[in-house]
């Protein structure tokens, strides 16, 4: 399993911040079970991951952190969850 403990990102803020303007969501990515996720960016360049089931809820971080997360998942870091 890949080591994801050494991924460096900016420190999380104590309170979530509102998006800088509207979030531009891409097309939803849906699996066979109709569990759909979408990725988005705001005007400040922050990245978002959200579910189509709960449109007002999302995870936000830098684009670099999102890229590191996707790379880790692709390389098997979350396989134990399947």
N, C-alpha and C. Protein backbone atom coordinates (compact mmCIF):
# COMPACT_ATOMS: atom_id res chain seq x y z
N UNK A 1 0.84 -1.17 0.00
CA UNK A 1 0.00 0.00 0.00
C UNK A 1 0.89 1.24 0.00
N UNK A 2 0.57 2.26 -0.79
CA UNK A 2 1.39 3.46 -0.85
C UNK A 2 1.36 4.23 0.48
N UNK A 3 2.44 4.93 0.76
CA UNK A 3 2.53 5.72 1.97
C UNK A 3 1.98 7.11 1.68
N UNK A 4 0.87 7.46 2.31
CA UNK A 4 0.31 8.79 2.10
C UNK A 4 0.50 9.68 3.32
N UNK A 5 1.29 9.25 4.27
CA UNK A 5 1.48 10.03 5.48
C UNK A 5 2.42 11.21 5.26
N UNK A 6 3.16 11.24 4.19
CA UNK A 6 4.11 12.31 3.96
C UNK A 6 3.64 13.32 2.94
N UNK A 7 2.34 13.38 2.69
CA UNK A 7 1.80 14.35 1.76
C UNK A 7 1.71 15.69 2.47
N UNK A 8 2.28 16.72 1.87
CA UNK A 8 2.28 18.04 2.48
C UNK A 8 1.20 18.90 1.84
N UNK A 9 0.35 19.44 2.67
CA UNK A 9 -0.68 20.38 2.21
C UNK A 9 -0.70 21.54 3.19
N UNK A 10 -1.46 22.56 2.86
CA UNK A 10 -1.60 23.66 3.79
C UNK A 10 -2.36 23.18 5.02
N UNK A 11 -2.10 23.82 6.14
CA UNK A 11 -2.79 23.43 7.38
C UNK A 11 -4.26 23.74 7.27
N UNK A 12 -5.11 22.85 7.77
CA UNK A 12 -6.55 23.11 7.71
C UNK A 12 -6.92 24.29 8.60
N UNK A 13 -7.90 25.05 8.18
CA UNK A 13 -8.34 26.17 9.00
C UNK A 13 -9.21 25.64 10.13
N UNK A 14 -9.29 26.40 11.20
CA UNK A 14 -10.08 25.99 12.35
C UNK A 14 -11.57 25.98 12.02
N UNK A 15 -11.98 26.87 11.16
CA UNK A 15 -13.37 26.90 10.74
C UNK A 15 -13.42 26.86 9.23
N UNK A 16 -14.37 26.14 8.67
CA UNK A 16 -14.46 26.08 7.22
C UNK A 16 -14.76 27.45 6.64
N UNK A 17 -14.16 27.75 5.53
CA UNK A 17 -14.42 29.04 4.89
C UNK A 17 -15.39 28.84 3.74
N UNK A 18 -16.12 29.88 3.46
CA UNK A 18 -17.06 29.84 2.35
C UNK A 18 -16.29 29.88 1.04
N UNK A 19 -16.84 29.32 -0.01
CA UNK A 19 -16.18 29.38 -1.31
C UNK A 19 -15.97 30.83 -1.75
N UNK A 20 -14.90 31.07 -2.48
CA UNK A 20 -14.65 32.39 -3.04
C UNK A 20 -15.47 32.51 -4.32
N UNK A 21 -16.70 32.93 -4.20
CA UNK A 21 -17.59 33.00 -5.36
C UNK A 21 -18.26 31.66 -5.57
N UNK A 22 -18.86 31.51 -6.70
CA UNK A 22 -19.58 30.28 -7.02
C UNK A 22 -18.60 29.14 -7.32
N UNK A 23 -19.02 27.94 -6.98
CA UNK A 23 -18.22 26.76 -7.31
C UNK A 23 -18.64 26.30 -8.70
N UNK A 24 -17.67 26.17 -9.59
CA UNK A 24 -17.94 25.66 -10.94
C UNK A 24 -17.77 24.15 -10.89
N UNK A 25 -18.88 23.42 -10.86
CA UNK A 25 -18.86 21.97 -10.76
C UNK A 25 -18.73 21.34 -12.14
N UNK A 26 -17.92 20.30 -12.24
CA UNK A 26 -17.82 19.51 -13.46
C UNK A 26 -18.94 18.50 -13.51
N UNK A 27 -18.98 17.73 -14.57
CA UNK A 27 -19.98 16.67 -14.70
C UNK A 27 -19.78 15.66 -13.58
N UNK A 28 -20.88 15.10 -13.11
CA UNK A 28 -20.82 14.10 -12.04
C UNK A 28 -20.18 12.81 -12.54
N UNK A 29 -19.41 12.19 -11.66
CA UNK A 29 -18.80 10.89 -11.93
C UNK A 29 -19.62 9.88 -11.14
N UNK A 30 -20.29 8.96 -11.84
CA UNK A 30 -21.19 8.01 -11.18
C UNK A 30 -20.69 6.58 -11.35
N UNK A 31 -20.78 5.82 -10.26
CA UNK A 31 -20.42 4.40 -10.31
C UNK A 31 -21.66 3.60 -10.70
N UNK A 32 -21.51 2.31 -10.74
CA UNK A 32 -22.63 1.43 -11.11
C UNK A 32 -23.81 1.55 -10.16
N UNK A 33 -23.56 1.82 -8.91
CA UNK A 33 -24.64 1.92 -7.93
C UNK A 33 -25.27 3.30 -7.86
N UNK A 34 -24.97 4.16 -8.81
CA UNK A 34 -25.51 5.52 -8.88
C UNK A 34 -25.04 6.40 -7.73
N UNK A 35 -23.89 6.07 -7.15
CA UNK A 35 -23.27 6.96 -6.18
C UNK A 35 -22.44 7.96 -6.96
N UNK A 36 -22.91 9.19 -7.03
CA UNK A 36 -22.28 10.18 -7.90
C UNK A 36 -21.49 11.21 -7.11
N UNK A 37 -20.29 11.48 -7.56
CA UNK A 37 -19.45 12.51 -6.98
C UNK A 37 -19.12 13.51 -8.07
N UNK A 38 -18.81 14.73 -7.64
CA UNK A 38 -18.44 15.76 -8.60
C UNK A 38 -17.27 16.55 -8.05
N UNK A 39 -16.51 17.12 -8.95
CA UNK A 39 -15.35 17.93 -8.61
C UNK A 39 -15.61 19.35 -9.07
N UNK A 40 -15.11 20.31 -8.30
CA UNK A 40 -15.33 21.70 -8.68
C UNK A 40 -14.19 22.59 -8.26
N UNK A 41 -14.21 23.80 -8.78
CA UNK A 41 -13.23 24.84 -8.44
C UNK A 41 -13.99 26.13 -8.18
N UNK A 42 -13.47 26.94 -7.25
CA UNK A 42 -14.06 28.26 -7.05
C UNK A 42 -13.17 29.32 -7.70
N UNK A 43 -13.56 30.58 -7.56
CA UNK A 43 -12.83 31.68 -8.21
C UNK A 43 -11.41 31.84 -7.68
N UNK A 44 -11.15 31.36 -6.46
CA UNK A 44 -9.82 31.46 -5.87
C UNK A 44 -8.95 30.26 -6.22
N UNK A 45 -9.50 29.28 -6.94
CA UNK A 45 -8.73 28.12 -7.34
C UNK A 45 -8.73 26.99 -6.32
N UNK A 46 -9.59 27.05 -5.31
CA UNK A 46 -9.71 25.94 -4.35
C UNK A 46 -10.50 24.82 -4.98
N UNK A 47 -10.15 23.59 -4.63
CA UNK A 47 -10.79 22.40 -5.20
C UNK A 47 -11.86 21.88 -4.25
N UNK A 48 -12.89 21.29 -4.83
CA UNK A 48 -14.03 20.76 -4.06
C UNK A 48 -14.39 19.37 -4.56
N UNK A 49 -14.80 18.50 -3.63
CA UNK A 49 -15.37 17.20 -3.96
C UNK A 49 -16.71 17.16 -3.25
N UNK A 50 -17.77 16.85 -3.99
CA UNK A 50 -19.09 16.79 -3.40
C UNK A 50 -19.87 15.61 -3.95
N UNK A 51 -20.94 15.28 -3.27
CA UNK A 51 -21.83 14.21 -3.69
C UNK A 51 -23.09 14.84 -4.29
N UNK A 52 -23.64 14.20 -5.29
CA UNK A 52 -24.88 14.72 -5.86
C UNK A 52 -26.06 14.47 -4.93
N UNK A 53 -25.91 13.59 -3.95
CA UNK A 53 -26.98 13.32 -3.00
C UNK A 53 -27.14 14.45 -1.98
N UNK A 54 -26.05 15.13 -1.67
CA UNK A 54 -26.06 16.23 -0.71
C UNK A 54 -25.34 17.43 -1.31
N UNK A 55 -25.99 18.16 -2.21
CA UNK A 55 -25.34 19.22 -2.97
C UNK A 55 -24.69 20.32 -2.14
N UNK A 56 -25.19 20.60 -0.96
CA UNK A 56 -24.63 21.67 -0.15
C UNK A 56 -23.46 21.25 0.72
N UNK A 57 -23.10 19.98 0.68
CA UNK A 57 -21.99 19.48 1.49
C UNK A 57 -20.84 19.07 0.58
N UNK A 58 -19.62 19.42 1.00
CA UNK A 58 -18.46 19.11 0.18
C UNK A 58 -17.20 19.17 1.02
N UNK A 59 -16.14 18.65 0.47
CA UNK A 59 -14.81 18.73 1.06
C UNK A 59 -14.03 19.71 0.19
N UNK A 60 -13.27 20.58 0.83
CA UNK A 60 -12.51 21.57 0.08
C UNK A 60 -11.07 21.60 0.55
N UNK A 61 -10.17 21.77 -0.38
CA UNK A 61 -8.75 21.91 -0.08
C UNK A 61 -8.07 22.51 -1.30
N UNK A 62 -6.76 22.58 -1.26
CA UNK A 62 -6.04 23.12 -2.42
C UNK A 62 -6.08 22.12 -3.57
N UNK A 63 -5.82 22.61 -4.76
CA UNK A 63 -5.75 21.73 -5.92
C UNK A 63 -4.64 20.71 -5.73
N UNK A 64 -3.52 21.11 -5.12
CA UNK A 64 -2.42 20.19 -4.88
C UNK A 64 -2.83 19.06 -3.95
N UNK A 65 -3.60 19.38 -2.91
CA UNK A 65 -4.07 18.35 -1.98
C UNK A 65 -5.04 17.40 -2.68
N UNK A 66 -5.92 17.93 -3.51
CA UNK A 66 -6.85 17.08 -4.27
C UNK A 66 -6.07 16.17 -5.22
N UNK A 67 -5.07 16.71 -5.87
CA UNK A 67 -4.24 15.91 -6.77
C UNK A 67 -3.53 14.79 -6.01
N UNK A 68 -3.01 15.09 -4.82
CA UNK A 68 -2.35 14.07 -4.00
C UNK A 68 -3.34 13.00 -3.56
N UNK A 69 -4.55 13.40 -3.19
CA UNK A 69 -5.57 12.44 -2.78
C UNK A 69 -5.93 11.50 -3.93
N UNK A 70 -6.17 12.05 -5.10
CA UNK A 70 -6.54 11.22 -6.26
C UNK A 70 -5.40 10.28 -6.62
N UNK A 71 -4.17 10.77 -6.59
CA UNK A 71 -3.01 9.91 -6.89
C UNK A 71 -2.89 8.76 -5.90
N UNK A 72 -3.11 9.07 -4.62
CA UNK A 72 -3.02 8.03 -3.59
C UNK A 72 -4.12 6.99 -3.77
N UNK A 73 -5.33 7.44 -4.06
CA UNK A 73 -6.44 6.50 -4.27
C UNK A 73 -6.17 5.63 -5.49
N UNK A 74 -5.69 6.25 -6.57
CA UNK A 74 -5.39 5.49 -7.78
C UNK A 74 -4.31 4.44 -7.55
N UNK A 75 -3.38 4.73 -6.64
CA UNK A 75 -2.28 3.79 -6.40
C UNK A 75 -2.61 2.76 -5.32
N UNK A 76 -3.84 2.78 -4.82
CA UNK A 76 -4.27 1.72 -3.93
C UNK A 76 -4.40 2.06 -2.45
N UNK A 77 -4.20 3.31 -2.07
CA UNK A 77 -4.23 3.68 -0.66
C UNK A 77 -5.59 3.47 -0.01
N UNK A 78 -6.65 3.42 -0.79
CA UNK A 78 -7.99 3.24 -0.22
C UNK A 78 -8.58 1.87 -0.54
N UNK A 79 -7.78 0.97 -1.07
CA UNK A 79 -8.29 -0.35 -1.45
C UNK A 79 -8.88 -1.12 -0.27
N UNK A 80 -8.38 -0.87 0.91
CA UNK A 80 -8.91 -1.57 2.09
C UNK A 80 -10.35 -1.16 2.40
N UNK A 81 -10.84 -0.11 1.80
CA UNK A 81 -12.22 0.35 2.02
C UNK A 81 -13.21 -0.33 1.07
N UNK A 82 -12.68 -1.03 0.08
CA UNK A 82 -13.55 -1.66 -0.90
C UNK A 82 -14.03 -3.03 -0.47
